[in-house]
Amino acid sequence: MGGRQARVRYKIALEKGAKRSLEKRIDSDIVKDILQRIDSLEHDPHIGKALKGTMKGKYRLIVRRAYRVVYRIDEQHKLVVVEKVAHRSKVYK
């Protein structure tokens, strides 16, 4: 039968370190762009690039070329957990 399937919306959760970075370590104009990108994960969390190696199972988004958002997806609970938000020189350490 025809008809549109309802798109599943994922909930977004920020871990303490990610929240702290957004509140204290990153300029507010950049934070606005980062939050817009994080919000886009609600509809399609697989838009980020899957990471490899020790970060296998996680994804990353690039914001303003210099910032990274690292997150994991909990498919069972339809949840996106943002683990880290940092400058590219620091995020993978």
C-alpha atoms as a PDB file:
ATOM      1  CA  MET A   1       0.000   0.000   0.000  1.00  0.00           C
ATOM      2  CA  GLY A   2       1.102   3.534  -0.648  1.00  0.00           C
ATOM      3  CA  GLY A   3       1.472   6.093   2.036  1.00  0.00           C
ATOM      4  CA  ARG A   4       4.172   7.853   3.886  1.00  0.00           C
ATOM      5  CA  GLN A   5       6.083   6.210   6.641  1.00  0.00           C
ATOM      6  CA  ALA A   6       6.432   8.291   9.752  1.00  0.00           C
ATOM      7  CA  ARG A   7      10.027   9.295  10.307  1.00  0.00           C
ATOM      8  CA  VAL A   8      11.376   8.239  13.641  1.00  0.00           C
ATOM      9  CA  ARG A   9      12.757  11.065  15.731  1.00  0.00           C
ATOM     10  CA  TYR A  10      15.739  10.411  17.925  1.00  0.00           C
ATOM     11  CA  LYS A  11      16.189  12.031  21.316  1.00  0.00           C
ATOM     12  CA  ILE A  12      19.423  13.916  21.904  1.00  0.00           C
ATOM     13  CA  ALA A  13      21.440  13.645  25.126  1.00  0.00           C
ATOM     14  CA  LEU A  14      24.632  15.512  25.992  1.00  0.00           C
ATOM     15  CA  GLU A  15      27.220  13.976  28.277  1.00  0.00           C
ATOM     16  CA  LYS A  16      28.689  16.238  30.971  1.00  0.00           C
ATOM     17  CA  GLY A  17      31.935  16.923  29.105  1.00  0.00           C
ATOM     18  CA  ALA A  18      30.128  17.908  25.914  1.00  0.00           C
ATOM     19  CA  LYS A  19      27.758  20.174  27.833  1.00  0.00           C
ATOM     20  CA  ARG A  20      30.670  21.794  29.681  1.00  0.00           C
ATOM     21  CA  SER A  21      32.476  22.482  26.409  1.00  0.00           C
ATOM     22  CA  LEU A  22      29.416  24.168  24.952  1.00  0.00           C
ATOM     23  CA  GLU A  23      28.850  26.265  28.071  1.00  0.00           C
ATOM     24  CA  LYS A  24      32.402  27.328  28.878  1.00  0.00           C
ATOM     25  CA  ARG A  25      35.041  26.435  26.323  1.00  0.00           C
ATOM     26  CA  ILE A  26      33.664  27.469  22.938  1.00  0.00           C
ATOM     27  CA  ASP A  27      32.625  30.936  21.708  1.00  0.00           C
ATOM     28  CA  SER A  28      28.877  31.510  21.717  1.00  0.00           C
ATOM     29  CA  ASP A  29      28.617  32.200  17.967  1.00  0.00           C
ATOM     30  CA  ILE A  30      30.239  28.841  17.231  1.00  0.00           C
ATOM     31  CA  VAL A  31      28.059  27.121  19.840  1.00  0.00           C
ATOM     32  CA  LYS A  32      24.955  28.257  17.929  1.00  0.00           C
ATOM     33  CA  ASP A  33      26.208  26.482  14.776  1.00  0.00           C
ATOM     34  CA  ILE A  34      27.177  23.383  16.755  1.00  0.00           C
ATOM     35  CA  LEU A  35      23.727  23.167  18.356  1.00  0.00           C
ATOM     36  CA  GLN A  36      22.038  23.454  14.952  1.00  0.00           C
ATOM     37  CA  ARG A  37      24.122  20.522  13.708  1.00  0.00           C
ATOM     38  CA  ILE A  38      23.346  18.490  16.821  1.00  0.00           C
ATOM     39  CA  ASP A  39      19.630  19.205  16.385  1.00  0.00           C
ATOM     40  CA  SER A  40      19.809  17.846  12.825  1.00  0.00           C
ATOM     41  CA  LEU A  41      20.737  14.444  14.286  1.00  0.00           C
ATOM     42  CA  GLU A  42      17.195  14.168  15.635  1.00  0.00           C
ATOM     43  CA  HIS A  43      15.930  13.254  12.150  1.00  0.00           C
ATOM     44  CA  ASP A  44      18.943  11.409  10.733  1.00  0.00           C
ATOM     45  CA  PRO A  45      21.749  10.504  13.141  1.00  0.00           C
ATOM     46  CA  HIS A  46      23.623   8.636  10.427  1.00  0.00           C
ATOM     47  CA  ILE A  47      24.620  11.835   8.606  1.00  0.00           C
ATOM     48  CA  GLY A  48      27.929  11.870  10.476  1.00  0.00           C
ATOM     49  CA  LYS A  49      30.972   9.871   9.454  1.00  0.00           C
ATOM     50  CA  ALA A  50      31.476   6.544  11.218  1.00  0.00           C
ATOM     51  CA  LEU A  51      34.752   6.508  13.133  1.00  0.00           C
ATOM     52  CA  LYS A  52      37.298   3.685  13.181  1.00  0.00           C
ATOM     53  CA  GLY A  53      39.889   2.241  15.509  1.00  0.00           C
ATOM     54  CA  THR A  54      39.445   2.981  19.201  1.00  0.00           C
ATOM     55  CA  MET A  55      36.389   5.107  18.387  1.00  0.00           C
ATOM     56  CA  LYS A  56      34.600   2.397  16.425  1.00  0.00           C
ATOM     57  CA  GLY A  57      30.846   2.591  16.980  1.00  0.00           C
ATOM     58  CA  LYS A  58      30.912   6.379  17.211  1.00  0.00           C
ATOM     59  CA  TYR A  59      30.276   9.079  14.626  1.00  0.00           C
ATOM     60  CA  ARG A  60      31.493  12.586  14.043  1.00  0.00           C
ATOM     61  CA  LEU A  61      30.121  15.793  12.604  1.00  0.00           C
ATOM     62  CA  ILE A  62      32.265  18.660  11.386  1.00  0.00           C
ATOM     63  CA  VAL A  63      31.206  22.182  12.287  1.00  0.00           C
ATOM     64  CA  ARG A  64      32.927  25.219  10.772  1.00  0.00           C
ATOM     65  CA  ARG A  65      35.776  23.014   9.552  1.00  0.00           C
ATOM     66  CA  ALA A  66      37.582  23.256  12.903  1.00  0.00           C
ATOM     67  CA  TYR A  67      35.130  21.749  15.410  1.00  0.00           C
ATOM     68  CA  ARG A  68      34.017  18.158  15.877  1.00  0.00           C
ATOM     69  CA  VAL A  69      30.990  16.611  17.528  1.00  0.00           C
ATOM     70  CA  VAL A  70      31.558  12.968  18.522  1.00  0.00           C
ATOM     71  CA  TYR A  71      28.471  10.911  19.289  1.00  0.00           C
ATOM     72  CA  ARG A  72      27.045   7.413  19.480  1.00  0.00           C
ATOM     73  CA  ILE A  73      23.647   6.113  18.449  1.00  0.00           C
ATOM     74  CA  ASP A  74      21.489   3.894  20.639  1.00  0.00           C
ATOM     75  CA  GLU A  75      19.109   2.400  18.074  1.00  0.00           C
ATOM     76  CA  GLN A  76      17.119   0.436  20.641  1.00  0.00           C
ATOM     77  CA  HIS A  77      16.130   3.582  22.543  1.00  0.00           C
ATOM     78  CA  LYS A  78      16.235   5.939  19.528  1.00  0.00           C
ATOM     79  CA  LEU A  79      18.798   8.061  21.333  1.00  0.00           C
ATOM     80  CA  VAL A  80      21.817  10.061  20.151  1.00  0.00           C
ATOM     81  CA  VAL A  81      24.405  10.605  22.894  1.00  0.00           C
ATOM     82  CA  VAL A  82      26.831  13.457  22.242  1.00  0.00           C
ATOM     83  CA  GLU A  83      30.060  12.522  23.987  1.00  0.00           C
ATOM     84  CA  LYS A  84      32.493  15.257  22.968  1.00  0.00           C
ATOM     85  CA  VAL A  85      32.450  18.678  21.392  1.00  0.00           C
ATOM     86  CA  ALA A  86      35.876  20.213  20.813  1.00  0.00           C
ATOM     87  CA  HIS A  87      38.356  21.721  18.396  1.00  0.00           C
ATOM     88  CA  ARG A  88      39.697  19.153  15.960  1.00  0.00           C
ATOM     89  CA  SER A  89      43.147  19.350  17.573  1.00  0.00           C
ATOM     90  CA  LYS A  90      41.736  18.128  20.904  1.00  0.00           C
ATOM     91  CA  VAL A  91      38.663  16.024  20.234  1.00  0.00           C
ATOM     92  CA  TYR A  92      40.348  12.668  19.514  1.00  0.00           C
ATOM     93  CA  LYS A  93      42.748  12.785  22.499  1.00  0.00           C
END
